Amino acid sequence: MSDEIEDDDAPTKPGERGERIAKFLARAGVASRRDAEKLIAEGKVRVNNETVTQPAFFVQPDDLVVVDGKLVDPPERTRLWRYHKPEGLVTTHRDPQGRPTVFEKLPPHLPRVVSVGRLDLNSEGLLLLTNDGGLARKLEMPSNNWIRRYRVRVFGFPQPGQLEALAKGITIEGIRYKGIEAAMDSKKGDNCWLSVGLQEGRNREIRRVMQHLGLQVTRLIRVSYGPFQLGTLARGLVDEVSPKVLREQLAVEARPVVTRPKRPTTP
């Protein structure tokens, strides 16, 4: 993923040509930009009763946008939540294998949200959720240099010097992983708990690295994502990050709520 923000990420000023349809749908929490472009290609997006065929289409504030037959409400102010993901849930809106998903278990009062990054099926802990797909993309960018910290329980014990050596990075089966912070916290029986911090966050990175060291991960809990902490948030619960914290940590300004014009009474 590129570290650079696309030109059309800049706010649109009144009187300009509007906002790209994919960005509009992402901010409205319908889908990520990439998934929004797929919806457009499948002919599922209509603006003012006309099917959109190109992702370069621009939306005006008073346009009526429909996706898959459902009217899309205009994006509300940018919001962010902390969620304590339990294990056994996949971080996707639809799972081809029919497994339970994070989004099926969220409280019904939440608007449609997207996740900031993912936690795999057997991982648990802090997962950030937002109603703004553009914000999710920015929070995932490597240029933030944010450390993601985990508590990891492994079966077995690392050899002397193994954890310290991870700070220099490691190559496994041709894949280069950047430096990883790792230290042992405690031992119990045949298991030990590790504290692990990383910036890169490749798919199943911690599990693969530990397996390479001869350690089997039996539990993995994300305790922080950049400045955001899991803290004492109970498993399965959601807590909204205050607008003040958003402004302080992310320089995010609350967008004004756009009033949707009344739908016409005639077909």
C-alpha atoms as a PDB file:
ATOM      1  CA  MET A   1       0.000   0.000   0.000  1.00  0.00           C
ATOM      2  CA  SER A   2       1.335   3.394  -0.954  1.00  0.00           C
ATOM      3  CA  ASP A   3       2.216   5.851   1.776  1.00  0.00           C
ATOM      4  CA  GLU A   4       0.973   8.752  -0.302  1.00  0.00           C
ATOM      5  CA  ILE A   5      -2.570  10.109  -0.184  1.00  0.00           C
ATOM      6  CA  GLU A   6      -4.360  10.480  -3.491  1.00  0.00           C
ATOM      7  CA  ASP A   7      -4.959  14.007  -4.698  1.00  0.00           C
ATOM      8  CA  ASP A   8      -8.712  13.666  -4.351  1.00  0.00           C
ATOM      9  CA  ASP A   9      -8.322  13.029  -0.597  1.00  0.00           C
ATOM     10  CA  ALA A  10      -8.221  16.799  -0.188  1.00  0.00           C
ATOM     11  CA  PRO A  11     -11.520  18.325   0.945  1.00  0.00           C
ATOM     12  CA  THR A  12     -13.766  19.520  -1.855  1.00  0.00           C
ATOM     13  CA  LYS A  13     -14.530  23.228  -1.740  1.00  0.00           C
ATOM     14  CA  PRO A  14     -18.001  24.560  -2.520  1.00  0.00           C
ATOM     15  CA  GLY A  15     -18.512  25.126  -6.228  1.00  0.00           C
ATOM     16  CA  GLU A  16     -15.947  22.538  -7.274  1.00  0.00           C
ATOM     17  CA  ARG A  17     -16.832  19.406  -9.218  1.00  0.00           C
ATOM     18  CA  GLY A  18     -17.820  17.383  -6.166  1.00  0.00           C
ATOM     19  CA  GLU A  19     -16.443  14.198  -4.662  1.00  0.00           C
ATOM     20  CA  ARG A  20     -15.441  10.976  -6.361  1.00  0.00           C
ATOM     21  CA  ILE A  21     -18.156   8.361  -5.981  1.00  0.00           C
ATOM     22  CA  ALA A  22     -15.809   5.747  -4.478  1.00  0.00           C
ATOM     23  CA  LYS A  23     -14.585   8.229  -1.851  1.00  0.00           C
ATOM     24  CA  PHE A  24     -18.172   9.269  -1.093  1.00  0.00           C
ATOM     25  CA  LEU A  25     -19.199   5.642  -0.540  1.00  0.00           C
ATOM     26  CA  ALA A  26     -16.151   5.027   1.639  1.00  0.00           C
ATOM     27  CA  ARG A  27     -16.903   8.050   3.822  1.00  0.00           C
ATOM     28  CA  ALA A  28     -20.532   6.959   4.037  1.00  0.00           C
ATOM     29  CA  GLY A  29     -19.344   3.616   5.402  1.00  0.00           C
ATOM     30  CA  VAL A  30     -20.773   1.580   2.525  1.00  0.00           C
ATOM     31  CA  ALA A  31     -17.477  -0.045   1.537  1.00  0.00           C
ATOM     32  CA  SER A  32     -13.791   0.617   1.121  1.00  0.00           C
ATOM     33  CA  ARG A  33     -12.769   2.501  -2.020  1.00  0.00           C
ATOM     34  CA  ARG A  34     -11.578  -0.689  -3.638  1.00  0.00           C
ATOM     35  CA  ASP A  35     -14.829  -2.509  -2.861  1.00  0.00           C
ATOM     36  CA  ALA A  36     -16.820   0.543  -3.963  1.00  0.00           C
ATOM     37  CA  GLU A  37     -15.101   0.376  -7.345  1.00  0.00           C
ATOM     38  CA  LYS A  38     -16.147  -3.282  -7.585  1.00  0.00           C
ATOM     39  CA  LEU A  39     -19.751  -2.296  -6.874  1.00  0.00           C
ATOM     40  CA  ILE A  40     -19.527   0.281  -9.656  1.00  0.00           C
ATOM     41  CA  ALA A  41     -18.112  -2.286 -12.087  1.00  0.00           C
ATOM     42  CA  GLU A  42     -20.988  -4.621 -11.203  1.00  0.00           C
ATOM     43  CA  GLY A  43     -23.532  -1.894 -12.044  1.00  0.00           C
ATOM     44  CA  LYS A  44     -24.877  -1.700  -8.483  1.00  0.00           C
ATOM     45  CA  VAL A  45     -24.386   2.052  -7.997  1.00  0.00           C
ATOM     46  CA  ARG A  46     -26.903   4.629  -9.264  1.00  0.00           C
ATOM     47  CA  VAL A  47     -26.845   8.410  -8.893  1.00  0.00           C
ATOM     48  CA  ASN A  48     -30.045  10.320  -9.583  1.00  0.00           C
ATOM     49  CA  ASN A  49     -31.512   7.148 -11.114  1.00  0.00           C
ATOM     50  CA  GLU A  50     -28.614   6.743 -13.559  1.00  0.00           C
ATOM     51  CA  THR A  51     -26.214   3.815 -13.340  1.00  0.00           C
ATOM     52  CA  VAL A  52     -22.637   4.889 -12.647  1.00  0.00           C
ATOM     53  CA  THR A  53     -20.164   3.172 -14.958  1.00  0.00           C
ATOM     54  CA  GLN A  54     -16.885   4.877 -14.082  1.00  0.00           C
ATOM     55  CA  PRO A  55     -15.175   5.338 -10.685  1.00  0.00           C
ATOM     56  CA  ALA A  56     -14.180   8.846 -11.815  1.00  0.00           C
ATOM     57  CA  PHE A  57     -17.820   9.944 -11.469  1.00  0.00           C
ATOM     58  CA  PHE A  58     -18.251  12.953  -9.140  1.00  0.00           C
ATOM     59  CA  VAL A  59     -21.094  13.308  -6.637  1.00  0.00           C
ATOM     60  CA  GLN A  60     -22.666  16.613  -5.610  1.00  0.00           C
ATOM     61  CA  PRO A  61     -24.071  17.217  -2.099  1.00  0.00           C
ATOM     62  CA  ASP A  62     -27.710  17.069  -3.247  1.00  0.00           C
ATOM     63  CA  ASP A  63     -27.378  13.930  -5.410  1.00  0.00           C
ATOM     64  CA  LEU A  64     -29.392  10.825  -4.557  1.00  0.00           C
ATOM     65  CA  VAL A  65     -27.053   7.835  -4.357  1.00  0.00           C
ATOM     66  CA  VAL A  66     -28.379   4.267  -4.369  1.00  0.00           C
ATOM     67  CA  VAL A  67     -26.315   1.101  -3.898  1.00  0.00           C
ATOM     68  CA  ASP A  68     -27.872  -2.285  -4.535  1.00  0.00           C
ATOM     69  CA  GLY A  69     -31.326  -0.728  -4.362  1.00  0.00           C
ATOM     70  CA  LYS A  70     -30.734   1.036  -1.025  1.00  0.00           C
ATOM     71  CA  LEU A  71     -30.535   4.799  -0.604  1.00  0.00           C
ATOM     72  CA  VAL A  72     -27.180   5.875   0.837  1.00  0.00           C
ATOM     73  CA  ASP A  73     -27.318   8.514   3.529  1.00  0.00           C
ATOM     74  CA  PRO A  74     -24.697  11.241   3.160  1.00  0.00           C
ATOM     75  CA  PRO A  75     -21.591  10.838   5.283  1.00  0.00           C
ATOM     76  CA  GLU A  76     -22.030  12.025   8.848  1.00  0.00           C
ATOM     77  CA  ARG A  77     -19.222  13.394  10.976  1.00  0.00           C
ATOM     78  CA  THR A  78     -16.128  11.236  11.212  1.00  0.00           C
ATOM     79  CA  ARG A  79     -16.348   8.836  14.138  1.00  0.00           C
ATOM     80  CA  LEU A  80     -14.002   6.212  15.577  1.00  0.00           C
ATOM     81  CA  TRP A  81     -14.632   3.363  18.006  1.00  0.00           C
ATOM     82  CA  ARG A  82     -12.492   0.959  20.023  1.00  0.00           C
ATOM     83  CA  TYR A  83     -13.787  -2.608  19.922  1.00  0.00           C
ATOM     84  CA  HIS A  84     -12.565  -5.549  21.993  1.00  0.00           C
ATOM     85  CA  LYS A  85     -12.730  -8.314  19.398  1.00  0.00           C
ATOM     86  CA  PRO A  86     -13.254 -11.807  20.809  1.00  0.00           C
ATOM     87  CA  GLU A  87     -11.569 -14.775  19.173  1.00  0.00           C
ATOM     88  CA  GLY A  88     -13.682 -16.813  16.769  1.00  0.00           C
ATOM     89  CA  LEU A  89     -14.826 -13.872  14.626  1.00  0.00           C
ATOM     90  CA  VAL A  90     -13.528 -12.953  11.178  1.00  0.00           C
ATOM     91  CA  THR A  91     -12.925  -9.301  10.315  1.00  0.00           C
ATOM     92  CA  THR A  92     -14.991  -9.130   7.160  1.00  0.00           C
ATOM     93  CA  HIS A  93     -18.541  -8.102   6.258  1.00  0.00           C
ATOM     94  CA  ARG A  94     -19.257 -11.368   4.447  1.00  0.00           C
ATOM     95  CA  ASP A  95     -17.482 -14.658   4.918  1.00  0.00           C
ATOM     96  CA  PRO A  96     -17.705 -17.233   2.073  1.00  0.00           C
ATOM     97  CA  GLN A  97     -17.348 -20.024   4.644  1.00  0.00           C
ATOM     98  CA  GLY A  98     -20.263 -18.759   6.713  1.00  0.00           C
ATOM     99  CA  ARG A  99     -18.207 -18.086   9.833  1.00  0.00           C
ATOM    100  CA  PRO A 100     -19.460 -15.443  12.304  1.00  0.00           C
ATOM    101  CA  THR A 101     -18.114 -11.969  11.594  1.00  0.00           C
ATOM    102  CA  VAL A 102     -17.157  -8.980  13.703  1.00  0.00           C
ATOM    103  CA  PHE A 103     -19.830  -6.851  12.069  1.00  0.00           C
ATOM    104  CA  GLU A 104     -22.626  -9.305  12.864  1.00  0.00           C
ATOM    105  CA  LYS A 105     -21.791  -9.040  16.581  1.00  0.00           C
ATOM    106  CA  LEU A 106     -21.613  -5.250  16.870  1.00  0.00           C
ATOM    107  CA  PRO A 107     -24.321  -3.366  18.810  1.00  0.00           C
ATOM    108  CA  PRO A 108     -27.306  -2.506  16.589  1.00  0.00           C
ATOM    109  CA  HIS A 109     -27.075   1.235  17.340  1.00  0.00           C
ATOM    110  CA  LEU A 110     -23.767   1.572  15.457  1.00  0.00           C
ATOM    111  CA  PRO A 111     -23.865   2.911  11.886  1.00  0.00           C
ATOM    112  CA  ARG A 112     -22.231   0.911   9.137  1.00  0.00           C
ATOM    113  CA  VAL A 113     -18.508   0.850   9.896  1.00  0.00           C
ATOM    114  CA  VAL A 114     -15.277  -0.483   8.435  1.00  0.00           C
ATOM    115  CA  SER A 115     -12.329  -1.839  10.367  1.00  0.00           C
ATOM    116  CA  VAL A 116      -8.871  -0.311  10.574  1.00  0.00           C
ATOM    117  CA  GLY A 117      -6.744  -3.275   9.585  1.00  0.00           C
ATOM    118  CA  ARG A 118      -7.750  -6.752  10.672  1.00  0.00           C
ATOM    119  CA  LEU A 119      -7.372  -9.370  13.344  1.00  0.00           C
ATOM    120  CA  ASP A 120      -7.537 -12.960  12.172  1.00  0.00           C
ATOM    121  CA  LEU A 121     -10.064 -15.544  13.352  1.00  0.00           C
ATOM    122  CA  ASN A 122      -8.141 -16.685  16.415  1.00  0.00           C
ATOM    123  CA  SER A 123      -6.756 -13.290  17.433  1.00  0.00           C
ATOM    124  CA  GLU A 124      -8.449 -10.966  19.887  1.00  0.00           C
ATOM    125  CA  GLY A 125      -8.099  -7.528  21.389  1.00  0.00           C
ATOM    126  CA  LEU A 126      -8.216  -3.974  20.082  1.00  0.00           C
ATOM    127  CA  LEU A 127      -9.830  -3.400  16.704  1.00  0.00           C
ATOM    128  CA  LEU A 128     -10.535   0.164  15.576  1.00  0.00           C
ATOM    129  CA  LEU A 129     -13.775   0.831  13.706  1.00  0.00           C
ATOM    130  CA  THR A 130     -14.808   3.939  11.800  1.00  0.00           C
ATOM    131  CA  ASN A 131     -17.669   5.182   9.670  1.00  0.00           C
ATOM    132  CA  ASP A 132     -15.169   6.904   7.346  1.00  0.00           C
ATOM    133  CA  GLY A 133     -13.398   4.621   4.889  1.00  0.00           C
ATOM    134  CA  GLY A 134     -10.935   7.380   4.020  1.00  0.00           C
ATOM    135  CA  LEU A 135      -9.902   7.672   7.654  1.00  0.00           C
ATOM    136  CA  ALA A 136      -9.476   3.883   7.894  1.00  0.00           C
ATOM    137  CA  ARG A 137      -7.097   3.956   4.953  1.00  0.00           C
ATOM    138  CA  LYS A 138      -5.032   6.754   6.477  1.00  0.00           C
ATOM    139  CA  LEU A 139      -4.789   5.007   9.844  1.00  0.00           C
ATOM    140  CA  GLU A 140      -3.407   1.913   8.116  1.00  0.00           C
ATOM    141  CA  MET A 141      -0.645   3.749   6.280  1.00  0.00           C
ATOM    142  CA  PRO A 142       2.924   2.676   7.135  1.00  0.00           C
ATOM    143  CA  SER A 143       3.986   6.333   7.077  1.00  0.00           C
ATOM    144  CA  ASN A 144       2.243   6.778  10.462  1.00  0.00           C
ATOM    145  CA  ASN A 145       5.048   4.678  11.992  1.00  0.00           C
ATOM    146  CA  TRP A 146       2.576   3.509  14.608  1.00  0.00           C
ATOM    147  CA  ILE A 147       3.553   0.598  16.828  1.00  0.00           C
ATOM    148  CA  ARG A 148       0.967  -2.158  17.255  1.00  0.00           C
ATOM    149  CA  ARG A 149       1.498  -3.967  20.529  1.00  0.00           C
ATOM    150  CA  TYR A 150       0.419  -7.480  21.448  1.00  0.00           C
ATOM    151  CA  ARG A 151       0.404  -9.881  24.371  1.00  0.00           C
ATOM    152  CA  VAL A 152       1.337 -13.280  22.984  1.00  0.00           C
ATOM    153  CA  ARG A 153       1.180 -16.624  24.764  1.00  0.00           C
ATOM    154  CA  VAL A 154       3.375 -19.301  23.207  1.00  0.00           C
ATOM    155  CA  PHE A 155       3.956 -22.973  23.890  1.00  0.00           C
ATOM    156  CA  GLY A 156       7.656 -23.398  24.494  1.00  0.00           C
ATOM    157  CA  PHE A 157      10.435 -20.994  25.378  1.00  0.00           C
ATOM    158  CA  PRO A 158      12.632 -18.857  23.111  1.00  0.00           C
ATOM    159  CA  GLN A 159      16.311 -19.623  22.951  1.00  0.00           C
ATOM    160  CA  PRO A 160      18.744 -17.050  24.388  1.00  0.00           C
ATOM    161  CA  GLY A 161      19.126 -14.108  22.004  1.00  0.00           C
ATOM    162  CA  GLN A 162      16.272 -15.116  19.683  1.00  0.00           C
ATOM    163  CA  LEU A 163      13.896 -12.335  20.704  1.00  0.00           C
ATOM    164  CA  GLU A 164      16.573  -9.664  20.762  1.00  0.00           C
ATOM    165  CA  ALA A 165      17.663 -10.654  17.238  1.00  0.00           C
ATOM    166  CA  LEU A 166      14.187  -9.895  15.890  1.00  0.00           C
ATOM    167  CA  ALA A 167      14.886  -6.167  16.294  1.00  0.00           C
ATOM    168  CA  LYS A 168      17.129  -6.402  13.207  1.00  0.00           C
ATOM    169  CA  GLY A 169      14.383  -7.979  11.105  1.00  0.00           C
ATOM    170  CA  ILE A 170      14.109 -11.536   9.824  1.00  0.00           C
ATOM    171  CA  THR A 171      13.603 -13.310   6.499  1.00  0.00           C
ATOM    172  CA  ILE A 172      11.304 -16.350   6.406  1.00  0.00           C
ATOM    173  CA  GLU A 173      10.691 -18.309   3.197  1.00  0.00           C
ATOM    174  CA  GLY A 174      11.826 -15.355   1.127  1.00  0.00           C
ATOM    175  CA  ILE A 175       9.650 -12.813   2.955  1.00  0.00           C
ATOM    176  CA  ARG A 176      11.484 -10.029   4.751  1.00  0.00           C
ATOM    177  CA  TYR A 177       9.940  -8.839   8.014  1.00  0.00           C
ATOM    178  CA  LYS A 178      11.061  -5.540   9.479  1.00  0.00           C
ATOM    179  CA  GLY A 179      12.334  -5.138  13.033  1.00  0.00           C
ATOM    180  CA  ILE A 180      10.103  -6.525  15.778  1.00  0.00           C
ATOM    181  CA  GLU A 181      10.196  -5.615  19.463  1.00  0.00           C
ATOM    182  CA  ALA A 182       9.842  -8.766  21.577  1.00  0.00           C
ATOM    183  CA  ALA A 183      10.497  -9.597  25.223  1.00  0.00           C
ATOM    184  CA  MET A 184       9.488 -12.340  27.627  1.00  0.00           C
ATOM    185  CA  ASP A 185       7.140 -11.299  30.433  1.00  0.00           C
ATOM    186  CA  SER A 186       6.447 -14.475  32.377  1.00  0.00           C
ATOM    187  CA  LYS A 187       6.567 -18.281  32.369  1.00  0.00           C
ATOM    188  CA  LYS A 188       3.962 -20.785  33.490  1.00  0.00           C
ATOM    189  CA  GLY A 189       4.340 -24.498  32.940  1.00  0.00           C
ATOM    190  CA  ASP A 190       5.269 -25.142  29.325  1.00  0.00           C
ATOM    191  CA  ASN A 191       4.043 -21.711  28.205  1.00  0.00           C
ATOM    192  CA  CYS A 192       5.296 -18.161  28.403  1.00  0.00           C
ATOM    193  CA  TRP A 193       3.860 -14.735  27.738  1.00  0.00           C
ATOM    194  CA  LEU A 194       5.634 -12.323  25.400  1.00  0.00           C
ATOM    195  CA  SER A 195       5.209  -8.621  24.692  1.00  0.00           C
ATOM    196  CA  VAL A 196       5.515  -7.958  20.962  1.00  0.00           C
ATOM    197  CA  GLY A 197       5.500  -4.660  19.073  1.00  0.00           C
ATOM    198  CA  LEU A 198       5.627  -4.176  15.325  1.00  0.00           C
ATOM    199  CA  GLN A 199       4.967  -1.508  12.723  1.00  0.00           C
ATOM    200  CA  GLU A 200       4.540  -3.503   9.560  1.00  0.00           C
ATOM    201  CA  GLY A 201       1.667  -5.830  10.478  1.00  0.00           C
ATOM    202  CA  ARG A 202       1.844  -8.327   7.613  1.00  0.00           C
ATOM    203  CA  ASN A 203      -0.747 -11.085   7.445  1.00  0.00           C
ATOM    204  CA  ARG A 204      -0.209 -13.533  10.361  1.00  0.00           C
ATOM    205  CA  GLU A 205       3.228 -12.011  10.908  1.00  0.00           C
ATOM    206  CA  ILE A 206       3.559 -12.808  14.607  1.00  0.00           C
ATOM    207  CA  ARG A 207       2.392 -16.402  14.202  1.00  0.00           C
ATOM    208  CA  ARG A 208       4.814 -17.046  11.344  1.00  0.00           C
ATOM    209  CA  VAL A 209       7.764 -15.475  13.102  1.00  0.00           C
ATOM    210  CA  MET A 210       7.124 -17.409  16.312  1.00  0.00           C
ATOM    211  CA  GLN A 211       6.703 -20.649  14.394  1.00  0.00           C
ATOM    212  CA  HIS A 212      10.057 -19.972  12.744  1.00  0.00           C
ATOM    213  CA  LEU A 213      11.555 -19.688  16.242  1.00  0.00           C
ATOM    214  CA  GLY A 214      10.025 -23.038  17.208  1.00  0.00           C
ATOM    215  CA  LEU A 215       7.223 -21.483  19.276  1.00  0.00           C
ATOM    216  CA  GLN A 216       3.515 -22.163  18.873  1.00  0.00           C
ATOM    217  CA  VAL A 217       1.192 -19.210  19.447  1.00  0.00           C
ATOM    218  CA  THR A 218      -1.734 -20.282  21.626  1.00  0.00           C
ATOM    219  CA  ARG A 219      -3.182 -16.839  22.295  1.00  0.00           C
ATOM    220  CA  LEU A 220      -2.695 -13.434  20.676  1.00  0.00           C
ATOM    221  CA  ILE A 221      -4.166 -10.216  22.058  1.00  0.00           C
ATOM    222  CA  ARG A 222      -3.663  -6.775  20.501  1.00  0.00           C
ATOM    223  CA  VAL A 223      -3.436  -4.247  23.330  1.00  0.00           C
ATOM    224  CA  SER A 224      -2.737  -1.056  21.366  1.00  0.00           C
ATOM    225  CA  TYR A 225      -2.782   0.417  17.872  1.00  0.00           C
ATOM    226  CA  GLY A 226      -0.666   3.547  17.763  1.00  0.00           C
ATOM    227  CA  PRO A 227      -2.004   5.973  20.400  1.00  0.00           C
ATOM    228  CA  PHE A 228      -5.187   3.958  20.975  1.00  0.00           C
ATOM    229  CA  GLN A 229      -5.235   1.477  23.874  1.00  0.00           C
ATOM    230  CA  LEU A 230      -7.411  -1.529  24.654  1.00  0.00           C
ATOM    231  CA  GLY A 231      -7.218  -0.673  28.353  1.00  0.00           C
ATOM    232  CA  THR A 232      -9.961  -2.231  30.471  1.00  0.00           C
ATOM    233  CA  LEU A 233     -12.528  -2.431  27.654  1.00  0.00           C
ATOM    234  CA  ALA A 234     -14.374  -5.715  28.194  1.00  0.00           C
ATOM    235  CA  ARG A 235     -14.468  -8.390  25.522  1.00  0.00           C
ATOM    236  CA  GLY A 236     -17.180  -7.767  22.927  1.00  0.00           C
ATOM    237  CA  LEU A 237     -17.804  -4.160  23.965  1.00  0.00           C
ATOM    238  CA  VAL A 238     -17.469  -0.977  21.892  1.00  0.00           C
ATOM    239  CA  ASP A 239     -16.390   2.459  23.113  1.00  0.00           C
ATOM    240  CA  GLU A 240     -16.418   5.595  20.959  1.00  0.00           C
ATOM    241  CA  VAL A 241     -13.308   7.754  20.820  1.00  0.00           C
ATOM    242  CA  SER A 242     -14.263  11.318  21.695  1.00  0.00           C
ATOM    243  CA  PRO A 243     -14.099  14.042  19.011  1.00  0.00           C
ATOM    244  CA  LYS A 244     -11.552  15.849  21.186  1.00  0.00           C
ATOM    245  CA  VAL A 245      -9.185  12.864  21.106  1.00  0.00           C
ATOM    246  CA  LEU A 246      -9.690  12.535  17.355  1.00  0.00           C
ATOM    247  CA  ARG A 247      -8.680  16.156  16.899  1.00  0.00           C
ATOM    248  CA  GLU A 248      -5.662  15.807  19.162  1.00  0.00           C
ATOM    249  CA  GLN A 249      -4.362  12.512  17.795  1.00  0.00           C
ATOM    250  CA  LEU A 250      -5.383  12.694  14.151  1.00  0.00           C
ATOM    251  CA  ALA A 251      -6.138  16.348  13.394  1.00  0.00           C
ATOM    252  CA  VAL A 252      -9.602  15.201  12.308  1.00  0.00           C
ATOM    253  CA  GLU A 253     -12.228  17.890  12.046  1.00  0.00           C
ATOM    254  CA  ALA A 254     -15.862  16.898  12.385  1.00  0.00           C
ATOM    255  CA  ARG A 255     -17.576  17.223   9.044  1.00  0.00           C
ATOM    256  CA  PRO A 256     -20.864  19.130   8.973  1.00  0.00           C
ATOM    257  CA  VAL A 257     -23.942  16.950   8.685  1.00  0.00           C
ATOM    258  CA  VAL A 258     -25.408  17.186   5.193  1.00  0.00           C
ATOM    259  CA  THR A 259     -29.181  17.271   4.977  1.00  0.00           C
ATOM    260  CA  ARG A 260     -30.518  14.801   2.441  1.00  0.00           C
ATOM    261  CA  PRO A 261     -33.129  16.377   0.137  1.00  0.00           C
ATOM    262  CA  LYS A 262     -36.575  14.833   0.257  1.00  0.00           C
ATOM    263  CA  ARG A 263     -37.106  11.892  -2.067  1.00  0.00           C
ATOM    264  CA  PRO A 264     -39.503  12.597  -4.956  1.00  0.00           C
ATOM    265  CA  THR A 265     -43.014  11.207  -4.494  1.00  0.00           C
ATOM    266  CA  THR A 266     -43.344  10.193  -8.150  1.00  0.00           C
ATOM    267  CA  PRO A 267     -41.341   7.377  -9.781  1.00  0.00           C
END
